[in-house]
Amino acid sequence: MYKVELSKTAEKQIHKLSKDLQKRVILTLNRIKVRPYAYVKKLVSSPYFSLRFGDYRVILNIQDNKLIIFVIELGHRRNIYKK
């Protein structure tokens, strides 16, 4: 089972969301702990993955050797890929 870790940026972004969306993020991250590759999509020309929940996306780095899912950032789908 993988362990989920959040970056400082991701923590700030989660706290800015409404309580309902915060619950959805936490439930979604808990769901992918067992088999993360079944829920994520590889980003083109990037080592990172994208996890979808509604209109929001979570950018992840999955470290198989340490069994860690590192959440880099999250946000609305119209803004998250512009960086």
C-alpha atoms as a PDB file:
ATOM      1  CA  MET A   1       0.000   0.000   0.000  1.00  0.00           C
ATOM      2  CA  TYR A   2       1.319   3.426  -0.981  1.00  0.00           C
ATOM      3  CA  LYS A   3       1.632   6.413   1.334  1.00  0.00           C
ATOM      4  CA  VAL A   4       0.327   9.830   0.202  1.00  0.00           C
ATOM      5  CA  GLU A   5       2.456  12.917   0.868  1.00  0.00           C
ATOM      6  CA  LEU A   6       1.502  16.501   0.030  1.00  0.00           C
ATOM      7  CA  SER A   7       3.769  19.328  -1.051  1.00  0.00           C
ATOM      8  CA  LYS A   8       3.404  22.703   0.673  1.00  0.00           C
ATOM      9  CA  THR A   9       1.762  24.073  -2.491  1.00  0.00           C
ATOM     10  CA  ALA A  10      -0.766  21.222  -2.551  1.00  0.00           C
ATOM     11  CA  GLU A  11      -1.619  21.746   1.132  1.00  0.00           C
ATOM     12  CA  LYS A  12      -2.340  25.434   0.508  1.00  0.00           C
ATOM     13  CA  GLN A  13      -4.444  24.624  -2.548  1.00  0.00           C
ATOM     14  CA  ILE A  14      -6.514  22.051  -0.657  1.00  0.00           C
ATOM     15  CA  HIS A  15      -7.237  24.532   2.149  1.00  0.00           C
ATOM     16  CA  LYS A  16      -8.500  27.076  -0.408  1.00  0.00           C
ATOM     17  CA  LEU A  17     -11.153  24.638  -1.672  1.00  0.00           C
ATOM     18  CA  SER A  18     -14.646  24.364  -0.225  1.00  0.00           C
ATOM     19  CA  LYS A  19     -15.247  21.745   2.491  1.00  0.00           C
ATOM     20  CA  ASP A  20     -17.141  19.530   0.034  1.00  0.00           C
ATOM     21  CA  LEU A  21     -14.258  19.535  -2.458  1.00  0.00           C
ATOM     22  CA  GLN A  22     -11.726  18.948   0.321  1.00  0.00           C
ATOM     23  CA  LYS A  23     -13.587  15.769   1.304  1.00  0.00           C
ATOM     24  CA  ARG A  24     -13.644  14.614  -2.332  1.00  0.00           C
ATOM     25  CA  VAL A  25      -9.877  15.165  -2.661  1.00  0.00           C
ATOM     26  CA  ILE A  26      -9.140  13.187   0.496  1.00  0.00           C
ATOM     27  CA  LEU A  27     -11.459  10.339  -0.505  1.00  0.00           C
ATOM     28  CA  THR A  28      -9.942  10.207  -3.985  1.00  0.00           C
ATOM     29  CA  LEU A  29      -6.377  10.145  -2.641  1.00  0.00           C
ATOM     30  CA  ASN A  30      -7.277   7.401  -0.160  1.00  0.00           C
ATOM     31  CA  ARG A  31      -8.838   5.338  -2.965  1.00  0.00           C
ATOM     32  CA  ILE A  32      -5.658   5.305  -5.063  1.00  0.00           C
ATOM     33  CA  LYS A  33      -3.379   4.106  -2.248  1.00  0.00           C
ATOM     34  CA  VAL A  34      -3.808   0.436  -3.166  1.00  0.00           C
ATOM     35  CA  ARG A  35      -3.438   0.520  -6.972  1.00  0.00           C
ATOM     36  CA  PRO A  36      -2.554   4.041  -8.134  1.00  0.00           C
ATOM     37  CA  TYR A  37      -1.910   3.190 -11.794  1.00  0.00           C
ATOM     38  CA  ALA A  38      -5.536   2.099 -12.257  1.00  0.00           C
ATOM     39  CA  TYR A  39      -6.740   5.670 -11.586  1.00  0.00           C
ATOM     40  CA  VAL A  40      -4.073   7.971 -13.027  1.00  0.00           C
ATOM     41  CA  LYS A  41      -3.022   9.086 -16.488  1.00  0.00           C
ATOM     42  CA  LYS A  42       0.585   9.707 -17.547  1.00  0.00           C
ATOM     43  CA  LEU A  43       1.226  13.287 -18.631  1.00  0.00           C
ATOM     44  CA  VAL A  44       2.745  13.707 -22.080  1.00  0.00           C
ATOM     45  CA  SER A  45       6.483  14.547 -22.061  1.00  0.00           C
ATOM     46  CA  SER A  46       6.538  14.668 -18.259  1.00  0.00           C
ATOM     47  CA  PRO A  47       7.450  12.174 -15.512  1.00  0.00           C
ATOM     48  CA  TYR A  48       4.261  13.050 -13.618  1.00  0.00           C
ATOM     49  CA  PHE A  49       0.726  11.686 -13.554  1.00  0.00           C
ATOM     50  CA  SER A  50      -2.715  13.293 -13.495  1.00  0.00           C
ATOM     51  CA  LEU A  51      -5.612  12.193 -11.309  1.00  0.00           C
ATOM     52  CA  ARG A  52      -9.095  13.385 -12.198  1.00  0.00           C
ATOM     53  CA  PHE A  53     -11.926  14.142  -9.789  1.00  0.00           C
ATOM     54  CA  GLY A  54     -14.752  16.115 -11.353  1.00  0.00           C
ATOM     55  CA  ASP A  55     -13.482  19.350 -12.917  1.00  0.00           C
ATOM     56  CA  TYR A  56     -10.323  19.256 -10.799  1.00  0.00           C
ATOM     57  CA  ARG A  57      -6.974  17.578 -11.420  1.00  0.00           C
ATOM     58  CA  VAL A  58      -4.219  16.430  -9.089  1.00  0.00           C
ATOM     59  CA  ILE A  59      -0.642  16.292 -10.419  1.00  0.00           C
ATOM     60  CA  LEU A  60       1.245  13.378  -8.829  1.00  0.00           C
ATOM     61  CA  ASN A  61       4.660  11.792  -8.761  1.00  0.00           C
ATOM     62  CA  ILE A  62       4.536   8.061  -7.989  1.00  0.00           C
ATOM     63  CA  GLN A  63       7.709   6.637  -6.445  1.00  0.00           C
ATOM     64  CA  ASP A  64       7.481   2.854  -6.709  1.00  0.00           C
ATOM     65  CA  ASN A  65      10.734   2.103  -4.893  1.00  0.00           C
ATOM     66  CA  LYS A  66       9.542   3.939  -1.735  1.00  0.00           C
ATOM     67  CA  LEU A  67       5.787   3.282  -2.181  1.00  0.00           C
ATOM     68  CA  ILE A  68       5.017   7.014  -2.044  1.00  0.00           C
ATOM     69  CA  ILE A  69       2.456   9.048  -3.974  1.00  0.00           C
ATOM     70  CA  PHE A  70       3.685  12.642  -3.838  1.00  0.00           C
ATOM     71  CA  VAL A  71       1.018  15.255  -4.594  1.00  0.00           C
ATOM     72  CA  ILE A  72       2.685  18.177  -6.365  1.00  0.00           C
ATOM     73  CA  GLU A  73      -0.315  20.437  -6.943  1.00  0.00           C
ATOM     74  CA  LEU A  74      -4.023  20.452  -7.626  1.00  0.00           C
ATOM     75  CA  GLY A  75      -6.507  22.800  -9.175  1.00  0.00           C
ATOM     76  CA  HIS A  76      -9.251  23.343 -11.715  1.00  0.00           C
ATOM     77  CA  ARG A  77      -8.601  21.688 -15.056  1.00  0.00           C
ATOM     78  CA  ARG A  78      -8.549  24.994 -16.968  1.00  0.00           C
ATOM     79  CA  ASN A  79      -5.633  26.282 -14.837  1.00  0.00           C
ATOM     80  CA  ILE A  80      -3.600  23.256 -13.777  1.00  0.00           C
ATOM     81  CA  TYR A  81      -1.859  22.417 -17.076  1.00  0.00           C
ATOM     82  CA  LYS A  82      -0.737  25.971 -17.943  1.00  0.00           C
ATOM     83  CA  LYS A  83       2.557  25.784 -16.027  1.00  0.00           C
END
